[in-house]
Amino acid sequence: MHQICRVCDECYSWKRNSLFSLTRLLYNKKQAKKKIEE
């Protein structure tokens, strides 16, 4: 049985936040490329 504990919750939010910052980083890179190409 899976128990939701404080550690799991922290780990989950950390993974979600790192994933979010990673996608934002890639998005910013794409935007920067567009600006350079213009």
PDB file of N, CA and C in Angstrom:
ATOM      1  N   MET A   1       0.839  -1.206   0.000  1.00  0.00           N
ATOM      2  CA  MET A   1       0.000   0.000   0.000  1.00  0.00           C
ATOM      3  C   MET A   1       0.876   1.259   0.000  1.00  0.00           C
ATOM      4  N   HIS A   2       0.527   2.188  -0.841  1.00  0.00           N
ATOM      5  CA  HIS A   2       1.318   3.412  -0.921  1.00  0.00           C
ATOM      6  C   HIS A   2       0.850   4.418   0.117  1.00  0.00           C
ATOM      7  N   GLN A   3       1.776   4.841   0.929  1.00  0.00           N
ATOM      8  CA  GLN A   3       1.453   5.839   1.954  1.00  0.00           C
ATOM      9  C   GLN A   3       1.970   7.196   1.519  1.00  0.00           C
ATOM     10  N   ILE A   4       1.131   8.194   1.619  1.00  0.00           N
ATOM     11  CA  ILE A   4       1.574   9.558   1.337  1.00  0.00           C
ATOM     12  C   ILE A   4       2.231  10.090   2.611  1.00  0.00           C
ATOM     13  N   CYS A   5       3.524  10.312   2.511  1.00  0.00           N
ATOM     14  CA  CYS A   5       4.224  10.848   3.679  1.00  0.00           C
ATOM     15  C   CYS A   5       4.814  12.209   3.332  1.00  0.00           C
ATOM     16  N   ARG A   6       5.326  12.884   4.324  1.00  0.00           N
ATOM     17  CA  ARG A   6       5.881  14.218   4.130  1.00  0.00           C
ATOM     18  C   ARG A   6       7.054  14.172   3.150  1.00  0.00           C
ATOM     19  N   VAL A   7       7.879  13.128   3.282  1.00  0.00           N
ATOM     20  CA  VAL A   7       9.052  12.997   2.420  1.00  0.00           C
ATOM     21  C   VAL A   7       8.618  12.816   0.968  1.00  0.00           C
ATOM     22  N   CYS A   8       7.644  11.939   0.747  1.00  0.00           N
ATOM     23  CA  CYS A   8       7.143  11.712  -0.609  1.00  0.00           C
ATOM     24  C   CYS A   8       6.591  13.001  -1.198  1.00  0.00           C
ATOM     25  N   ASP A   9       5.860  13.711  -0.374  1.00  0.00           N
ATOM     26  CA  ASP A   9       5.256  14.954  -0.814  1.00  0.00           C
ATOM     27  C   ASP A   9       6.337  15.962  -1.208  1.00  0.00           C
ATOM     28  N   GLU A  10       7.365  16.058  -0.396  1.00  0.00           N
ATOM     29  CA  GLU A  10       8.470  16.976  -0.697  1.00  0.00           C
ATOM     30  C   GLU A  10       9.176  16.550  -1.973  1.00  0.00           C
ATOM     31  N   CYS A  11       9.380  15.235  -2.093  1.00  0.00           N
ATOM     32  CA  CYS A  11      10.059  14.704  -3.275  1.00  0.00           C
ATOM     33  C   CYS A  11       9.233  14.993  -4.521  1.00  0.00           C
ATOM     34  N   TYR A  12       7.930  14.776  -4.419  1.00  0.00           N
ATOM     35  CA  TYR A  12       7.047  15.004  -5.562  1.00  0.00           C
ATOM     36  C   TYR A  12       7.083  16.466  -6.000  1.00  0.00           C
ATOM     37  N   SER A  13       6.974  17.361  -5.050  1.00  0.00           N
ATOM     38  CA  SER A  13       6.976  18.786  -5.398  1.00  0.00           C
ATOM     39  C   SER A  13       8.340  19.196  -5.953  1.00  0.00           C
ATOM     40  N   TRP A  14       9.407  18.578  -5.430  1.00  0.00           N
ATOM     41  CA  TRP A  14      10.738  18.903  -5.943  1.00  0.00           C
ATOM     42  C   TRP A  14      10.864  18.452  -7.394  1.00  0.00           C
ATOM     43  N   LYS A  15      10.392  17.226  -7.676  1.00  0.00           N
ATOM     44  CA  LYS A  15      10.450  16.713  -9.048  1.00  0.00           C
ATOM     45  C   LYS A  15       9.624  17.583  -9.973  1.00  0.00           C
ATOM     46  N   ARG A  16       8.449  17.972  -9.515  1.00  0.00           N
ATOM     47  CA  ARG A  16       7.559  18.786 -10.338  1.00  0.00           C
ATOM     48  C   ARG A  16       8.194  20.144 -10.615  1.00  0.00           C
ATOM     49  N   ASN A  17       8.799  20.717  -9.577  1.00  0.00           N
ATOM     50  CA  ASN A  17       9.425  22.028  -9.740  1.00  0.00           C
ATOM     51  C   ASN A  17      10.635  21.965 -10.668  1.00  0.00           C
ATOM     52  N   SER A  18      11.435  20.908 -10.533  1.00  0.00           N
ATOM     53  CA  SER A  18      12.614  20.790 -11.385  1.00  0.00           C
ATOM     54  C   SER A  18      12.192  20.563 -12.836  1.00  0.00           C
ATOM     55  N   LEU A  19      11.128  19.789 -13.017  1.00  0.00           N
ATOM     56  CA  LEU A  19      10.611  19.545 -14.364  1.00  0.00           C
ATOM     57  C   LEU A  19      10.093  20.848 -14.963  1.00  0.00           C
ATOM     58  N   PHE A  20       9.414  21.632 -14.157  1.00  0.00           N
ATOM     59  CA  PHE A  20       8.863  22.905 -14.606  1.00  0.00           C
ATOM     60  C   PHE A  20       9.977  23.866 -14.995  1.00  0.00           C
ATOM     61  N   SER A  21      11.001  23.957 -14.156  1.00  0.00           N
ATOM     62  CA  SER A  21      12.107  24.872 -14.457  1.00  0.00           C
ATOM     63  C   SER A  21      12.870  24.411 -15.692  1.00  0.00           C
ATOM     64  N   LEU A  22      12.921  23.093 -15.889  1.00  0.00           N
ATOM     65  CA  LEU A  22      13.610  22.557 -17.065  1.00  0.00           C
ATOM     66  C   LEU A  22      12.857  22.930 -18.335  1.00  0.00           C
ATOM     67  N   THR A  23      11.541  22.763 -18.327  1.00  0.00           N
ATOM     68  CA  THR A  23      10.750  23.102 -19.507  1.00  0.00           C
ATOM     69  C   THR A  23      10.802  24.605 -19.755  1.00  0.00           C
ATOM     70  N   ARG A  24      10.840  25.388 -18.690  1.00  0.00           N
ATOM     71  CA  ARG A  24      10.916  26.842 -18.845  1.00  0.00           C
ATOM     72  C   ARG A  24      12.264  27.239 -19.442  1.00  0.00           C
ATOM     73  N   LEU A  25      13.298  26.525 -19.030  1.00  0.00           N
ATOM     74  CA  LEU A  25      14.635  26.802 -19.556  1.00  0.00           C
ATOM     75  C   LEU A  25      14.674  26.526 -21.053  1.00  0.00           C
ATOM     76  N   LEU A  26      14.097  25.391 -21.451  1.00  0.00           N
ATOM     77  CA  LEU A  26      14.060  25.037 -22.879  1.00  0.00           C
ATOM     78  C   LEU A  26      13.220  26.051 -23.643  1.00  0.00           C
ATOM     79  N   TYR A  27      12.110  26.466 -23.053  1.00  0.00           N
ATOM     80  CA  TYR A  27      11.236  27.448 -23.694  1.00  0.00           C
ATOM     81  C   TYR A  27      11.971  28.765 -23.885  1.00  0.00           C
ATOM     82  N   ASN A  28      12.704  29.189 -22.857  1.00  0.00           N
ATOM     83  CA  ASN A  28      13.465  30.434 -22.954  1.00  0.00           C
ATOM     84  C   ASN A  28      14.535  30.344 -24.035  1.00  0.00           C
ATOM     85  N   LYS A  29      15.140  29.178 -24.159  1.00  0.00           N
ATOM     86  CA  LYS A  29      16.165  28.988 -25.202  1.00  0.00           C
ATOM     87  C   LYS A  29      15.539  29.134 -26.574  1.00  0.00           C
ATOM     88  N   LYS A  30      14.352  28.561 -26.751  1.00  0.00           N
ATOM     89  CA  LYS A  30      13.653  28.656 -28.035  1.00  0.00           C
ATOM     90  C   LYS A  30      13.327  30.110 -28.347  1.00  0.00           C
ATOM     91  N   GLN A  31      12.856  30.836 -27.338  1.00  0.00           N
ATOM     92  CA  GLN A  31      12.518  32.244 -27.527  1.00  0.00           C
ATOM     93  C   GLN A  31      13.758  33.047 -27.879  1.00  0.00           C
ATOM     94  N   ALA A  32      14.862  32.722 -27.241  1.00  0.00           N
ATOM     95  CA  ALA A  32      16.119  33.427 -27.513  1.00  0.00           C
ATOM     96  C   ALA A  32      16.564  33.171 -28.952  1.00  0.00           C
ATOM     97  N   LYS A  33      16.416  31.927 -29.399  1.00  0.00           N
ATOM     98  CA  LYS A  33      16.782  31.585 -30.781  1.00  0.00           C
ATOM     99  C   LYS A  33      15.946  32.383 -31.763  1.00  0.00           C
ATOM    100  N   LYS A  34      14.660  32.495 -31.490  1.00  0.00           N
ATOM    101  CA  LYS A  34      13.761  33.244 -32.357  1.00  0.00           C
ATOM    102  C   LYS A  34      14.212  34.700 -32.465  1.00  0.00           C
ATOM    103  N   LYS A  35      14.572  35.274 -31.318  1.00  0.00           N
ATOM    104  CA  LYS A  35      15.001  36.672 -31.306  1.00  0.00           C
ATOM    105  C   LYS A  35      16.277  36.858 -32.115  1.00  0.00           C
ATOM    106  N   ILE A  36      17.196  35.905 -32.005  1.00  0.00           N
ATOM    107  CA  ILE A  36      18.465  35.997 -32.742  1.00  0.00           C
ATOM    108  C   ILE A  36      18.206  35.886 -34.247  1.00  0.00           C
ATOM    109  N   GLU A  37      17.308  34.986 -34.620  1.00  0.00           N
ATOM    110  CA  GLU A  37      17.019  34.772 -36.041  1.00  0.00           C
ATOM    111  C   GLU A  37      16.305  35.962 -36.668  1.00  0.00           C
ATOM    112  N   GLU A  38      15.572  36.703 -35.862  1.00  0.00           N
ATOM    113  CA  GLU A  38      14.812  37.840 -36.405  1.00  0.00           C
ATOM    114  C   GLU A  38      15.720  38.958 -36.879  1.00  0.00           C
TER     115      GLU A  38
END
